[in-house]
Amino acid sequence: VQVFSEMDILGWYTTGDVPNQSDINIHKQMCDLLDSPIFLKLNPLSRHSDQLPITVYESVVDVVEGAATLLLVELPYTLATEEAERIGIDHVARIHDSAESSLVGENLQAQYNAIKMLASRVHLIEEYVRATQKGEVPFNHEIIRQINALSHRLPVLSSPKFREEFYNQNNDVALMAYLGAITKCCNTMNKFINRFNQLHERFAIGRRMRGLFF
């Protein structure tokens, strides 16, 4: 409430499988504070990957064994997300049956393993060349020619096309970071303006009240 003071409270949530008596007791307390609160329950142990493990309930009062009883009735819901939220959810979205890793995580792990293996092979070649220069291993012309041919495949890094694409990608990443910083600053400024307006209104009301007495 203190963090999002401008928003209205619609209900409350907890974790677990199905609602129990403890949930009903807490919901009764929420009914004293809110008009028709919504109860959301998240099951973190659910193995169903085809749907979100979230259930939404509303409270109804029905007569059970001659007494008015509060019951929780499941509600249908539709999940609506914004573009910024979908980008953040991409990494945690489970696209397959395994609940241990995400598709994005697997792709990044595969790229990491490939780069790690490449770095180890380059380091091995570097150690071989240094050992050859020091005379620690016999000079092999065929291996040196292969290393020389491999090294001549790298000048693509200094080509104009590569530099253009590299700087374009670098500018895109910097622009996204800059836009994120601007968005954060705008949000902070908006909160500051709202608080300033509230204090200004309180100060103006206080001045008017003092004017009534003096």
N, C-alpha and C. Protein backbone atom coordinates (compact mmCIF):
# COMPACT_ATOMS: atom_id res chain seq x y z
N VAL A 1 0.83 -1.19 0.00
CA VAL A 1 0.00 0.00 0.00
C VAL A 1 0.88 1.25 0.00
N GLN A 2 1.96 1.26 0.78
CA GLN A 2 2.83 2.42 0.81
C GLN A 2 3.60 2.59 -0.48
N VAL A 3 3.95 1.49 -1.14
CA VAL A 3 4.71 1.57 -2.38
C VAL A 3 3.83 2.03 -3.53
N PHE A 4 2.63 1.46 -3.64
CA PHE A 4 1.69 1.83 -4.70
C PHE A 4 0.46 2.47 -4.06
N SER A 5 0.67 3.63 -3.49
CA SER A 5 -0.42 4.29 -2.77
C SER A 5 -1.52 4.78 -3.69
N GLU A 6 -1.20 4.96 -4.99
CA GLU A 6 -2.22 5.47 -5.90
C GLU A 6 -3.11 4.36 -6.46
N MET A 7 -2.80 3.11 -6.15
CA MET A 7 -3.58 1.98 -6.66
C MET A 7 -4.55 1.46 -5.60
N ASP A 8 -5.60 0.80 -6.07
CA ASP A 8 -6.60 0.23 -5.18
C ASP A 8 -6.29 -1.24 -4.90
N ILE A 9 -6.60 -1.68 -3.71
CA ILE A 9 -6.40 -3.08 -3.33
C ILE A 9 -7.61 -3.88 -3.79
N LEU A 10 -7.34 -4.93 -4.56
CA LEU A 10 -8.42 -5.78 -5.06
C LEU A 10 -8.57 -7.07 -4.26
N GLY A 11 -7.54 -7.48 -3.56
CA GLY A 11 -7.62 -8.73 -2.82
C GLY A 11 -6.27 -9.11 -2.25
N TRP A 12 -6.07 -10.40 -2.08
CA TRP A 12 -4.83 -10.89 -1.50
C TRP A 12 -4.47 -12.22 -2.14
N TYR A 13 -3.26 -12.69 -1.87
CA TYR A 13 -2.80 -13.95 -2.48
C TYR A 13 -1.96 -14.73 -1.48
N THR A 14 -1.81 -16.01 -1.77
CA THR A 14 -0.95 -16.89 -0.99
C THR A 14 -0.53 -18.06 -1.88
N THR A 15 0.28 -18.94 -1.34
CA THR A 15 0.75 -20.11 -2.08
C THR A 15 0.13 -21.37 -1.50
N GLY A 16 0.04 -22.39 -2.33
CA GLY A 16 -0.53 -23.65 -1.89
C GLY A 16 -1.37 -24.29 -2.98
N ASP A 17 -2.02 -25.38 -2.62
CA ASP A 17 -2.81 -26.13 -3.59
C ASP A 17 -4.25 -25.65 -3.62
N VAL A 18 -5.08 -26.19 -2.78
CA VAL A 18 -6.50 -25.81 -2.72
C VAL A 18 -6.73 -24.98 -1.46
N PRO A 19 -7.75 -24.12 -1.45
CA PRO A 19 -8.02 -23.32 -0.26
C PRO A 19 -8.36 -24.19 0.95
N ASN A 20 -7.85 -23.81 2.10
CA ASN A 20 -8.13 -24.52 3.34
C ASN A 20 -8.85 -23.58 4.31
N GLN A 21 -9.08 -24.07 5.50
CA GLN A 21 -9.81 -23.27 6.48
C GLN A 21 -9.03 -22.03 6.88
N SER A 22 -7.72 -22.13 6.92
CA SER A 22 -6.91 -20.96 7.26
C SER A 22 -7.08 -19.86 6.22
N ASP A 23 -7.13 -20.25 4.94
CA ASP A 23 -7.37 -19.26 3.88
C ASP A 23 -8.73 -18.60 4.04
N ILE A 24 -9.73 -19.39 4.39
CA ILE A 24 -11.08 -18.85 4.56
C ILE A 24 -11.12 -17.87 5.72
N ASN A 25 -10.41 -18.18 6.80
CA ASN A 25 -10.39 -17.28 7.95
C ASN A 25 -9.73 -15.94 7.59
N ILE A 26 -8.64 -16.02 6.84
CA ILE A 26 -7.98 -14.77 6.43
C ILE A 26 -8.87 -14.00 5.46
N HIS A 27 -9.56 -14.72 4.58
CA HIS A 27 -10.43 -14.05 3.62
C HIS A 27 -11.59 -13.35 4.33
N LYS A 28 -12.07 -13.91 5.41
CA LYS A 28 -13.12 -13.25 6.19
C LYS A 28 -12.62 -11.92 6.74
N GLN A 29 -11.38 -11.89 7.18
CA GLN A 29 -10.81 -10.64 7.66
C GLN A 29 -10.67 -9.62 6.53
N MET A 30 -10.31 -10.10 5.34
CA MET A 30 -10.21 -9.20 4.20
C MET A 30 -11.57 -8.65 3.80
N CYS A 31 -12.61 -9.44 3.99
CA CYS A 31 -13.97 -8.97 3.67
C CYS A 31 -14.38 -7.81 4.58
N ASP A 32 -13.81 -7.74 5.77
CA ASP A 32 -14.11 -6.62 6.66
C ASP A 32 -13.43 -5.33 6.20
N LEU A 33 -12.38 -5.47 5.39
CA LEU A 33 -11.63 -4.31 4.92
C LEU A 33 -12.00 -3.91 3.50
N LEU A 34 -12.37 -4.89 2.67
CA LEU A 34 -12.64 -4.63 1.26
C LEU A 34 -14.03 -5.14 0.90
N ASP A 35 -14.56 -4.59 -0.16
CA ASP A 35 -15.85 -5.03 -0.68
C ASP A 35 -15.61 -6.07 -1.76
N SER A 36 -15.99 -7.30 -1.51
CA SER A 36 -15.82 -8.43 -2.44
C SER A 36 -14.36 -8.59 -2.86
N PRO A 37 -13.47 -8.90 -1.94
CA PRO A 37 -12.06 -9.08 -2.30
C PRO A 37 -11.85 -10.35 -3.13
N ILE A 38 -10.81 -10.32 -3.94
CA ILE A 38 -10.44 -11.47 -4.77
C ILE A 38 -9.30 -12.22 -4.08
N PHE A 39 -9.37 -13.54 -4.13
CA PHE A 39 -8.35 -14.39 -3.51
C PHE A 39 -7.62 -15.14 -4.61
N LEU A 40 -6.30 -14.97 -4.69
CA LEU A 40 -5.47 -15.63 -5.69
C LEU A 40 -4.53 -16.60 -4.99
N LYS A 41 -4.48 -17.83 -5.52
CA LYS A 41 -3.61 -18.85 -4.92
C LYS A 41 -2.68 -19.40 -5.99
N LEU A 42 -1.39 -19.39 -5.67
CA LEU A 42 -0.34 -19.87 -6.57
C LEU A 42 0.21 -21.18 -6.03
N ASN A 43 0.27 -22.18 -6.90
CA ASN A 43 0.81 -23.49 -6.53
C ASN A 43 2.20 -23.64 -7.13
N PRO A 44 3.28 -23.37 -6.38
CA PRO A 44 4.63 -23.46 -6.95
C PRO A 44 5.09 -24.87 -7.24
N LEU A 45 4.38 -25.87 -6.75
CA LEU A 45 4.78 -27.27 -6.95
C LEU A 45 4.01 -27.93 -8.09
N SER A 46 3.22 -27.16 -8.82
CA SER A 46 2.44 -27.74 -9.90
C SER A 46 3.35 -28.20 -11.03
N ARG A 47 3.02 -29.36 -11.62
CA ARG A 47 3.80 -29.94 -12.70
C ARG A 47 3.14 -29.73 -14.06
N HIS A 48 2.05 -29.00 -14.10
CA HIS A 48 1.36 -28.77 -15.37
C HIS A 48 2.00 -27.57 -16.06
N SER A 49 2.77 -27.82 -17.11
CA SER A 49 3.48 -26.75 -17.80
C SER A 49 2.65 -26.07 -18.87
N ASP A 50 1.45 -26.59 -19.17
CA ASP A 50 0.64 -26.01 -20.23
C ASP A 50 -0.23 -24.86 -19.73
N GLN A 51 -0.27 -24.62 -18.45
CA GLN A 51 -1.07 -23.53 -17.92
C GLN A 51 -0.44 -23.00 -16.63
N LEU A 52 -0.77 -21.77 -16.31
CA LEU A 52 -0.21 -21.16 -15.11
C LEU A 52 -0.80 -21.80 -13.86
N PRO A 53 0.00 -22.05 -12.86
CA PRO A 53 -0.51 -22.66 -11.61
C PRO A 53 -1.16 -21.62 -10.70
N ILE A 54 -2.09 -20.88 -11.25
CA ILE A 54 -2.77 -19.80 -10.52
C ILE A 54 -4.27 -20.05 -10.55
N THR A 55 -4.90 -19.91 -9.41
CA THR A 55 -6.36 -20.05 -9.30
C THR A 55 -6.90 -18.82 -8.59
N VAL A 56 -7.97 -18.26 -9.14
CA VAL A 56 -8.59 -17.05 -8.59
C VAL A 56 -9.95 -17.42 -8.02
N TYR A 57 -10.24 -16.92 -6.83
CA TYR A 57 -11.50 -17.23 -6.16
C TYR A 57 -12.20 -15.94 -5.74
N GLU A 58 -13.51 -16.03 -5.64
CA GLU A 58 -14.31 -14.99 -5.01
C GLU A 58 -15.16 -15.64 -3.92
N SER A 59 -15.58 -14.84 -2.98
CA SER A 59 -16.33 -15.38 -1.84
C SER A 59 -17.83 -15.21 -2.05
N VAL A 60 -18.56 -16.23 -1.68
CA VAL A 60 -20.02 -16.20 -1.69
C VAL A 60 -20.51 -16.75 -0.36
N VAL A 61 -21.66 -16.29 0.06
CA VAL A 61 -22.26 -16.76 1.31
C VAL A 61 -23.44 -17.65 0.97
N ASP A 62 -23.38 -18.89 1.43
CA ASP A 62 -24.43 -19.86 1.14
C ASP A 62 -24.86 -20.52 2.46
N VAL A 63 -26.04 -21.09 2.43
CA VAL A 63 -26.58 -21.76 3.61
C VAL A 63 -26.13 -23.22 3.58
N VAL A 64 -25.35 -23.61 4.56
CA VAL A 64 -24.86 -24.98 4.68
C VAL A 64 -25.30 -25.51 6.04
N GLU A 65 -26.13 -26.55 6.01
CA GLU A 65 -26.65 -27.17 7.23
C GLU A 65 -27.35 -26.14 8.12
N GLY A 66 -28.11 -25.27 7.45
CA GLY A 66 -28.92 -24.30 8.18
C GLY A 66 -28.17 -23.09 8.70
N ALA A 67 -26.89 -22.94 8.34
CA ALA A 67 -26.10 -21.80 8.81
C ALA A 67 -25.45 -21.11 7.62
N ALA A 68 -25.36 -19.79 7.69
CA ALA A 68 -24.70 -19.02 6.64
C ALA A 68 -23.19 -19.30 6.68
N THR A 69 -22.65 -19.73 5.55
CA THR A 69 -21.24 -20.12 5.48
C THR A 69 -20.58 -19.42 4.31
N LEU A 70 -19.38 -18.93 4.53
CA LEU A 70 -18.61 -18.29 3.46
C LEU A 70 -17.89 -19.37 2.66
N LEU A 71 -18.08 -19.36 1.36
CA LEU A 71 -17.46 -20.33 0.46
C LEU A 71 -16.62 -19.59 -0.58
N LEU A 72 -15.58 -20.25 -1.06
CA LEU A 72 -14.72 -19.70 -2.10
C LEU A 72 -15.04 -20.40 -3.41
N VAL A 73 -15.41 -19.61 -4.41
CA VAL A 73 -15.79 -20.13 -5.72
C VAL A 73 -14.73 -19.72 -6.74
N GLU A 74 -14.29 -20.68 -7.54
CA GLU A 74 -13.24 -20.40 -8.52
C GLU A 74 -13.78 -19.51 -9.64
N LEU A 75 -12.94 -18.57 -10.07
CA LEU A 75 -13.30 -17.63 -11.12
C LEU A 75 -12.45 -17.87 -12.36
N PRO A 76 -13.04 -17.76 -13.55
CA PRO A 76 -12.22 -17.80 -14.77
C PRO A 76 -11.49 -16.47 -14.93
N TYR A 77 -10.31 -16.51 -15.53
CA TYR A 77 -9.54 -15.28 -15.70
C TYR A 77 -8.76 -15.35 -17.00
N THR A 78 -8.37 -14.19 -17.49
CA THR A 78 -7.55 -14.06 -18.69
C THR A 78 -6.32 -13.23 -18.33
N LEU A 79 -5.15 -13.75 -18.67
CA LEU A 79 -3.91 -13.07 -18.34
C LEU A 79 -3.57 -12.07 -19.43
N ALA A 80 -3.45 -10.80 -19.07
CA ALA A 80 -3.09 -9.74 -20.01
C ALA A 80 -1.74 -9.17 -19.60
N THR A 81 -0.80 -9.10 -20.54
CA THR A 81 0.54 -8.60 -20.24
C THR A 81 0.91 -7.50 -21.22
N GLU A 82 1.81 -6.63 -20.79
CA GLU A 82 2.37 -5.61 -21.64
C GLU A 82 3.66 -6.11 -22.27
N GLU A 83 4.17 -5.36 -23.26
CA GLU A 83 5.37 -5.78 -23.97
C GLU A 83 6.56 -5.88 -23.03
N ALA A 84 6.70 -4.91 -22.12
CA ALA A 84 7.83 -4.93 -21.18
C ALA A 84 7.77 -6.15 -20.27
N GLU A 85 6.56 -6.55 -19.88
CA GLU A 85 6.41 -7.72 -19.02
C GLU A 85 6.73 -9.00 -19.79
N ARG A 86 6.32 -9.06 -21.06
CA ARG A 86 6.61 -10.27 -21.84
C ARG A 86 8.10 -10.46 -22.05
N ILE A 87 8.84 -9.36 -22.21
CA ILE A 87 10.29 -9.48 -22.38
C ILE A 87 10.93 -10.07 -21.13
N GLY A 88 10.44 -9.63 -19.96
CA GLY A 88 11.00 -10.16 -18.73
C GLY A 88 10.62 -11.59 -18.45
N ILE A 89 9.48 -12.02 -18.99
CA ILE A 89 8.98 -13.37 -18.73
C ILE A 89 9.61 -14.39 -19.68
N ASP A 90 10.22 -13.92 -20.79
CA ASP A 90 10.76 -14.84 -21.79
C ASP A 90 11.75 -15.82 -21.18
N HIS A 91 12.55 -15.35 -20.23
CA HIS A 91 13.58 -16.23 -19.66
C HIS A 91 13.00 -17.28 -18.73
N VAL A 92 11.92 -16.97 -18.07
CA VAL A 92 11.35 -17.91 -17.10
C VAL A 92 10.19 -18.69 -17.67
N ALA A 93 9.85 -18.44 -18.92
CA ALA A 93 8.73 -19.17 -19.53
C ALA A 93 9.14 -20.61 -19.79
N ARG A 94 8.39 -21.55 -19.28
CA ARG A 94 8.69 -22.97 -19.46
C ARG A 94 7.98 -23.46 -20.71
N ILE A 95 8.74 -23.78 -21.74
CA ILE A 95 8.16 -24.16 -23.02
C ILE A 95 8.10 -25.68 -23.17
N HIS A 96 8.78 -26.42 -22.30
CA HIS A 96 8.76 -27.88 -22.39
C HIS A 96 8.40 -28.45 -21.03
N ASP A 97 8.38 -29.76 -20.96
CA ASP A 97 7.92 -30.44 -19.75
C ASP A 97 8.89 -30.31 -18.59
N SER A 98 10.16 -30.08 -18.87
CA SER A 98 11.14 -30.00 -17.80
C SER A 98 10.97 -28.71 -17.02
N ALA A 99 10.89 -28.83 -15.72
CA ALA A 99 10.75 -27.65 -14.87
C ALA A 99 12.09 -27.20 -14.30
N GLU A 100 13.19 -27.78 -14.80
CA GLU A 100 14.49 -27.47 -14.25
C GLU A 100 15.16 -26.31 -14.97
N SER A 101 14.86 -26.06 -16.24
CA SER A 101 15.53 -25.01 -17.00
C SER A 101 14.58 -24.46 -18.05
N SER A 102 14.91 -23.27 -18.56
CA SER A 102 14.11 -22.64 -19.59
C SER A 102 14.80 -22.80 -20.93
N LEU A 103 14.08 -22.53 -22.02
CA LEU A 103 14.65 -22.66 -23.35
C LEU A 103 15.75 -21.63 -23.56
N VAL A 104 15.53 -20.41 -23.07
CA VAL A 104 16.55 -19.38 -23.21
C VAL A 104 17.80 -19.76 -22.43
N GLY A 105 17.61 -20.29 -21.23
CA GLY A 105 18.75 -20.72 -20.43
C GLY A 105 19.56 -21.82 -21.10
N GLU A 106 18.87 -22.75 -21.75
CA GLU A 106 19.56 -23.83 -22.45
C GLU A 106 20.36 -23.29 -23.63
N ASN A 107 19.79 -22.33 -24.38
CA ASN A 107 20.51 -21.74 -25.51
C ASN A 107 21.75 -20.99 -25.03
N LEU A 108 21.59 -20.22 -23.96
CA LEU A 108 22.74 -19.49 -23.42
C LEU A 108 23.81 -20.43 -22.89
N GLN A 109 23.39 -21.54 -22.27
CA GLN A 109 24.35 -22.51 -21.76
C GLN A 109 25.11 -23.17 -22.91
N ALA A 110 24.41 -23.46 -24.01
CA ALA A 110 25.08 -24.05 -25.17
C ALA A 110 26.09 -23.08 -25.77
N GLN A 111 25.72 -21.80 -25.87
CA GLN A 111 26.66 -20.81 -26.38
C GLN A 111 27.86 -20.64 -25.45
N TYR A 112 27.58 -20.65 -24.15
CA TYR A 112 28.67 -20.53 -23.18
C TYR A 112 29.64 -21.70 -23.29
N ASN A 113 29.12 -22.91 -23.42
CA ASN A 113 29.99 -24.08 -23.54
C ASN A 113 30.82 -24.03 -24.81
N ALA A 114 30.20 -23.55 -25.92
CA ALA A 114 30.94 -23.46 -27.18
C ALA A 114 32.06 -22.43 -27.08
N ILE A 115 31.77 -21.27 -26.49
CA ILE A 115 32.79 -20.24 -26.35
C ILE A 115 33.90 -20.70 -25.40
N LYS A 116 33.52 -21.40 -24.34
CA LYS A 116 34.51 -21.91 -23.39
C LYS A 116 35.43 -22.93 -24.06
N MET A 117 34.87 -23.80 -24.88
CA MET A 117 35.69 -24.79 -25.59
C MET A 117 36.61 -24.10 -26.59
N LEU A 118 36.08 -23.09 -27.32
CA LEU A 118 36.91 -22.36 -28.27
C LEU A 118 38.07 -21.66 -27.57
N ALA A 119 37.79 -21.06 -26.42
CA ALA A 119 38.85 -20.37 -25.68
C ALA A 119 39.92 -21.34 -25.22
N SER A 120 39.52 -22.53 -24.80
CA SER A 120 40.51 -23.53 -24.36
C SER A 120 41.38 -23.99 -25.52
N ARG A 121 40.77 -24.14 -26.73
CA ARG A 121 41.55 -24.57 -27.90
C ARG A 121 42.53 -23.47 -28.33
N VAL A 122 42.09 -22.23 -28.30
CA VAL A 122 42.98 -21.12 -28.66
C VAL A 122 44.12 -21.02 -27.66
N HIS A 123 43.82 -21.22 -26.39
CA HIS A 123 44.86 -21.19 -25.37
C HIS A 123 45.86 -22.32 -25.58
N LEU A 124 45.38 -23.49 -26.00
CA LEU A 124 46.28 -24.61 -26.27
C LEU A 124 47.20 -24.29 -27.45
N ILE A 125 46.65 -23.67 -28.50
CA ILE A 125 47.48 -23.29 -29.65
C ILE A 125 48.52 -22.25 -29.24
N GLU A 126 48.10 -21.30 -28.41
CA GLU A 126 49.03 -20.27 -27.95
C GLU A 126 50.17 -20.89 -27.14
N GLU A 127 49.86 -21.84 -26.28
CA GLU A 127 50.91 -22.49 -25.50
C GLU A 127 51.85 -23.29 -26.40
N TYR A 128 51.31 -23.91 -27.45
CA TYR A 128 52.16 -24.68 -28.37
C TYR A 128 53.14 -23.77 -29.10
N VAL A 129 52.65 -22.62 -29.57
CA VAL A 129 53.53 -21.69 -30.29
C VAL A 129 54.63 -21.17 -29.36
N ARG A 130 54.27 -20.83 -28.14
CA ARG A 130 55.27 -20.35 -27.20
C ARG A 130 56.29 -21.44 -26.87
N ALA A 131 55.83 -22.66 -26.70
CA ALA A 131 56.75 -23.76 -26.42
C ALA A 131 57.68 -24.01 -27.60
N THR A 132 57.16 -23.83 -28.83
CA THR A 132 58.00 -24.00 -30.02
C THR A 132 59.07 -22.93 -30.08
N GLN A 133 58.69 -21.67 -29.76
CA GLN A 133 59.66 -20.58 -29.77
C GLN A 133 60.75 -20.78 -28.73
N LYS A 134 60.40 -21.37 -27.59
CA LYS A 134 61.38 -21.61 -26.53
C LYS A 134 62.19 -22.88 -26.76
N GLY A 135 61.82 -23.66 -27.77
CA GLY A 135 62.54 -24.90 -28.04
C GLY A 135 62.15 -26.04 -27.14
N GLU A 136 61.02 -25.91 -26.44
CA GLU A 136 60.58 -26.97 -25.54
C GLU A 136 59.97 -28.14 -26.30
N VAL A 137 59.42 -27.88 -27.49
CA VAL A 137 58.86 -28.94 -28.35
C VAL A 137 59.48 -28.80 -29.73
N PRO A 138 59.60 -29.90 -30.47
CA PRO A 138 60.19 -29.82 -31.81
C PRO A 138 59.32 -29.00 -32.76
N PHE A 139 59.97 -28.30 -33.68
CA PHE A 139 59.28 -27.44 -34.63
C PHE A 139 58.62 -28.31 -35.71
N ASN A 140 57.30 -28.19 -35.86
CA ASN A 140 56.55 -28.96 -36.85
C ASN A 140 55.98 -27.98 -37.87
N HIS A 141 56.52 -28.04 -39.10
CA HIS A 141 56.12 -27.09 -40.14
C HIS A 141 54.65 -27.25 -40.51
N GLU A 142 54.14 -28.45 -40.54
CA GLU A 142 52.75 -28.66 -40.94
C GLU A 142 51.79 -28.03 -39.92
N ILE A 143 52.06 -28.24 -38.64
CA ILE A 143 51.20 -27.66 -37.60
C ILE A 143 51.28 -26.13 -37.62
N ILE A 144 52.49 -25.59 -37.81
CA ILE A 144 52.64 -24.14 -37.85
C ILE A 144 51.90 -23.56 -39.05
N ARG A 145 51.93 -24.24 -40.19
CA ARG A 145 51.18 -23.76 -41.36
C ARG A 145 49.68 -23.76 -41.08
N GLN A 146 49.21 -24.79 -40.40
CA GLN A 146 47.78 -24.83 -40.06
C GLN A 146 47.40 -23.70 -39.10
N ILE A 147 48.28 -23.43 -38.14
CA ILE A 147 48.02 -22.32 -37.21
C ILE A 147 48.04 -21.00 -37.95
N ASN A 148 48.98 -20.86 -38.88
CA ASN A 148 49.06 -19.62 -39.67
C ASN A 148 47.81 -19.44 -40.54
N ALA A 149 47.33 -20.53 -41.14
CA ALA A 149 46.11 -20.45 -41.95
C ALA A 149 44.90 -20.09 -41.08
N LEU A 150 44.87 -20.64 -39.87
CA LEU A 150 43.77 -20.32 -38.97
C LEU A 150 43.80 -18.85 -38.55
N SER A 151 44.99 -18.34 -38.27
CA SER A 151 45.10 -16.94 -37.85
C SER A 151 44.73 -15.97 -38.96
N HIS A 152 44.95 -16.38 -40.23
CA HIS A 152 44.60 -15.51 -41.35
C HIS A 152 43.10 -15.47 -41.62
N ARG A 153 42.35 -16.29 -40.93
CA ARG A 153 40.89 -16.23 -41.06
C ARG A 153 40.28 -15.18 -40.15
N LEU A 154 41.07 -14.56 -39.28
CA LEU A 154 40.56 -13.60 -38.32
C LEU A 154 40.47 -12.17 -38.81
N PRO A 155 41.14 -11.74 -39.89
CA PRO A 155 41.03 -10.33 -40.29
C PRO A 155 39.61 -9.86 -40.59
N VAL A 156 38.64 -10.76 -40.64
CA VAL A 156 37.26 -10.33 -40.83
C VAL A 156 36.83 -9.38 -39.72
N LEU A 157 37.50 -9.45 -38.55
CA LEU A 157 37.16 -8.57 -37.44
C LEU A 157 37.49 -7.12 -37.71
N SER A 158 38.40 -6.87 -38.65
CA SER A 158 38.80 -5.50 -38.96
C SER A 158 38.23 -4.99 -40.27
N SER A 159 37.31 -5.74 -40.86
CA SER A 159 36.72 -5.31 -42.13
C SER A 159 35.72 -4.18 -41.89
N PRO A 160 35.50 -3.31 -42.86
CA PRO A 160 34.54 -2.21 -42.70
C PRO A 160 33.12 -2.70 -42.41
N LYS A 161 32.72 -3.81 -43.04
CA LYS A 161 31.37 -4.33 -42.81
C LYS A 161 31.20 -4.78 -41.37
N PHE A 162 32.23 -5.46 -40.83
CA PHE A 162 32.14 -5.91 -39.45
C PHE A 162 32.08 -4.72 -38.50
N ARG A 163 32.94 -3.71 -38.74
CA ARG A 163 32.93 -2.54 -37.86
C ARG A 163 31.59 -1.83 -37.90
N GLU A 164 30.99 -1.75 -39.09
CA GLU A 164 29.69 -1.09 -39.20
C GLU A 164 28.62 -1.85 -38.42
N GLU A 165 28.57 -3.17 -38.60
CA GLU A 165 27.57 -3.97 -37.88
C GLU A 165 27.84 -3.96 -36.38
N PHE A 166 29.12 -3.99 -36.00
CA PHE A 166 29.46 -3.98 -34.58
C PHE A 166 29.02 -2.69 -33.92
N TYR A 167 29.31 -1.56 -34.55
CA TYR A 167 28.94 -0.27 -33.97
C TYR A 167 27.43 -0.08 -33.97
N ASN A 168 26.74 -0.61 -34.99
CA ASN A 168 25.28 -0.52 -35.00
C ASN A 168 24.68 -1.30 -33.83
N GLN A 169 25.20 -2.51 -33.61
CA GLN A 169 24.70 -3.31 -32.49
C GLN A 169 25.06 -2.66 -31.16
N ASN A 170 26.26 -2.12 -31.07
CA ASN A 170 26.68 -1.45 -29.84
C ASN A 170 25.80 -0.23 -29.56
N ASN A 171 25.45 0.52 -30.61
CA ASN A 171 24.57 1.68 -30.44
C ASN A 171 23.17 1.26 -30.03
N ASP A 172 22.69 0.14 -30.59
CA ASP A 172 21.36 -0.34 -30.22
C ASP A 172 21.30 -0.73 -28.74
N VAL A 173 22.33 -1.43 -28.27
CA VAL A 173 22.37 -1.83 -26.86
C VAL A 173 22.46 -0.60 -25.96
N ALA A 174 23.32 0.35 -26.35
CA ALA A 174 23.44 1.57 -25.55
C ALA A 174 22.14 2.36 -25.54
N LEU A 175 21.44 2.37 -26.69
CA LEU A 175 20.17 3.09 -26.75
C LEU A 175 19.13 2.46 -25.85
N MET A 176 19.06 1.12 -25.82
CA MET A 176 18.11 0.45 -24.95
C MET A 176 18.42 0.74 -23.48
N ALA A 177 19.70 0.73 -23.12
CA ALA A 177 20.07 1.06 -21.74
C ALA A 177 19.73 2.51 -21.42
N TYR A 178 19.94 3.40 -22.40
CA TYR A 178 19.62 4.82 -22.20
C TYR A 178 18.12 5.02 -22.03
N LEU A 179 17.32 4.33 -22.85
CA LEU A 179 15.87 4.44 -22.72
C LEU A 179 15.39 3.91 -21.38
N GLY A 180 16.01 2.83 -20.91
CA GLY A 180 15.65 2.31 -19.60
C GLY A 180 15.96 3.30 -18.49
N ALA A 181 17.12 3.98 -18.60
CA ALA A 181 17.47 4.98 -17.60
C ALA A 181 16.51 6.17 -17.64
N ILE A 182 16.12 6.58 -18.86
CA ILE A 182 15.17 7.69 -18.99
C ILE A 182 13.82 7.31 -18.39
N THR A 183 13.38 6.08 -18.67
CA THR A 183 12.09 5.63 -18.11
C THR A 183 12.13 5.63 -16.59
N LYS A 184 13.23 5.17 -16.02
CA LYS A 184 13.36 5.15 -14.56
C LYS A 184 13.36 6.57 -14.00
N CYS A 185 14.07 7.48 -14.67
CA CYS A 185 14.10 8.87 -14.21
C CYS A 185 12.72 9.51 -14.31
N CYS A 186 12.00 9.23 -15.40
CA CYS A 186 10.65 9.78 -15.55
C CYS A 186 9.72 9.27 -14.45
N ASN A 187 9.85 7.98 -14.13
CA ASN A 187 9.03 7.42 -13.06
C ASN A 187 9.35 8.08 -11.72
N THR A 188 10.65 8.27 -11.45
CA THR A 188 11.04 8.94 -10.20
C THR A 188 10.53 10.38 -10.16
N MET A 189 10.64 11.09 -11.29
CA MET A 189 10.16 12.46 -11.35
C MET A 189 8.65 12.53 -11.17
N ASN A 190 7.93 11.57 -11.75
CA ASN A 190 6.48 11.54 -11.61
C ASN A 190 6.08 11.34 -10.15
N LYS A 191 6.77 10.43 -9.45
CA LYS A 191 6.48 10.22 -8.03
C LYS A 191 6.80 11.48 -7.22
N PHE A 192 7.90 12.14 -7.58
CA PHE A 192 8.26 13.37 -6.87
C PHE A 192 7.20 14.45 -7.07
N ILE A 193 6.70 14.59 -8.30
CA ILE A 193 5.68 15.60 -8.58
C ILE A 193 4.40 15.29 -7.81
N ASN A 194 4.02 14.00 -7.78
CA ASN A 194 2.81 13.63 -7.04
C ASN A 194 2.94 13.95 -5.56
N ARG A 195 4.07 13.64 -4.98
CA ARG A 195 4.27 13.93 -3.56
C ARG A 195 4.33 15.43 -3.31
N PHE A 196 4.97 16.16 -4.24
CA PHE A 196 5.03 17.62 -4.09
C PHE A 196 3.64 18.23 -4.14
N ASN A 197 2.81 17.75 -5.07
CA ASN A 197 1.45 18.27 -5.17
C ASN A 197 0.65 17.96 -3.90
N GLN A 198 0.84 16.76 -3.35
CA GLN A 198 0.13 16.43 -2.12
C GLN A 198 0.56 17.34 -0.97
N LEU A 199 1.86 17.57 -0.83
CA LEU A 199 2.34 18.46 0.23
C LEU A 199 1.87 19.89 0.00
N HIS A 200 1.85 20.31 -1.27
CA HIS A 200 1.40 21.67 -1.57
C HIS A 200 -0.07 21.84 -1.23
N GLU A 201 -0.88 20.82 -1.54
CA GLU A 201 -2.29 20.90 -1.21
C GLU A 201 -2.50 20.95 0.30
N ARG A 202 -1.74 20.14 1.04
CA ARG A 202 -1.86 20.16 2.50
C ARG A 202 -1.43 21.52 3.06
N PHE A 203 -0.36 22.08 2.49
CA PHE A 203 0.10 23.39 2.95
C PHE A 203 -0.93 24.47 2.66
N ALA A 204 -1.55 24.40 1.46
CA ALA A 204 -2.57 25.39 1.11
C ALA A 204 -3.79 25.26 2.01
N ILE A 205 -4.20 24.02 2.31
CA ILE A 205 -5.34 23.83 3.21
C ILE A 205 -5.02 24.35 4.60
N GLY A 206 -3.77 24.11 5.06
CA GLY A 206 -3.37 24.61 6.37
C GLY A 206 -3.40 26.13 6.43
N ARG A 207 -2.99 26.78 5.36
CA ARG A 207 -3.01 28.25 5.34
C ARG A 207 -4.43 28.77 5.38
N ARG A 208 -5.33 28.10 4.63
CA ARG A 208 -6.73 28.54 4.64
C ARG A 208 -7.36 28.33 6.02
N MET A 209 -7.00 27.21 6.67
CA MET A 209 -7.55 26.96 7.99
C MET A 209 -7.03 27.99 9.00
N ARG A 210 -5.76 28.36 8.90
CA ARG A 210 -5.24 29.39 9.80
C ARG A 210 -5.89 30.73 9.53
N GLY A 211 -6.24 30.99 8.26
CA GLY A 211 -6.90 32.25 7.92
C GLY A 211 -8.28 32.36 8.53
N LEU A 212 -8.91 31.23 8.79
CA LEU A 212 -10.24 31.26 9.39
C LEU A 212 -10.19 31.66 10.85
N PHE A 213 -9.05 31.38 11.51
CA PHE A 213 -8.95 31.65 12.94
C PHE A 213 -8.27 32.99 13.24
N PHE A 214 -7.56 33.54 12.27
CA PHE A 214 -6.84 34.79 12.54
C PHE A 214 -7.42 35.91 11.69
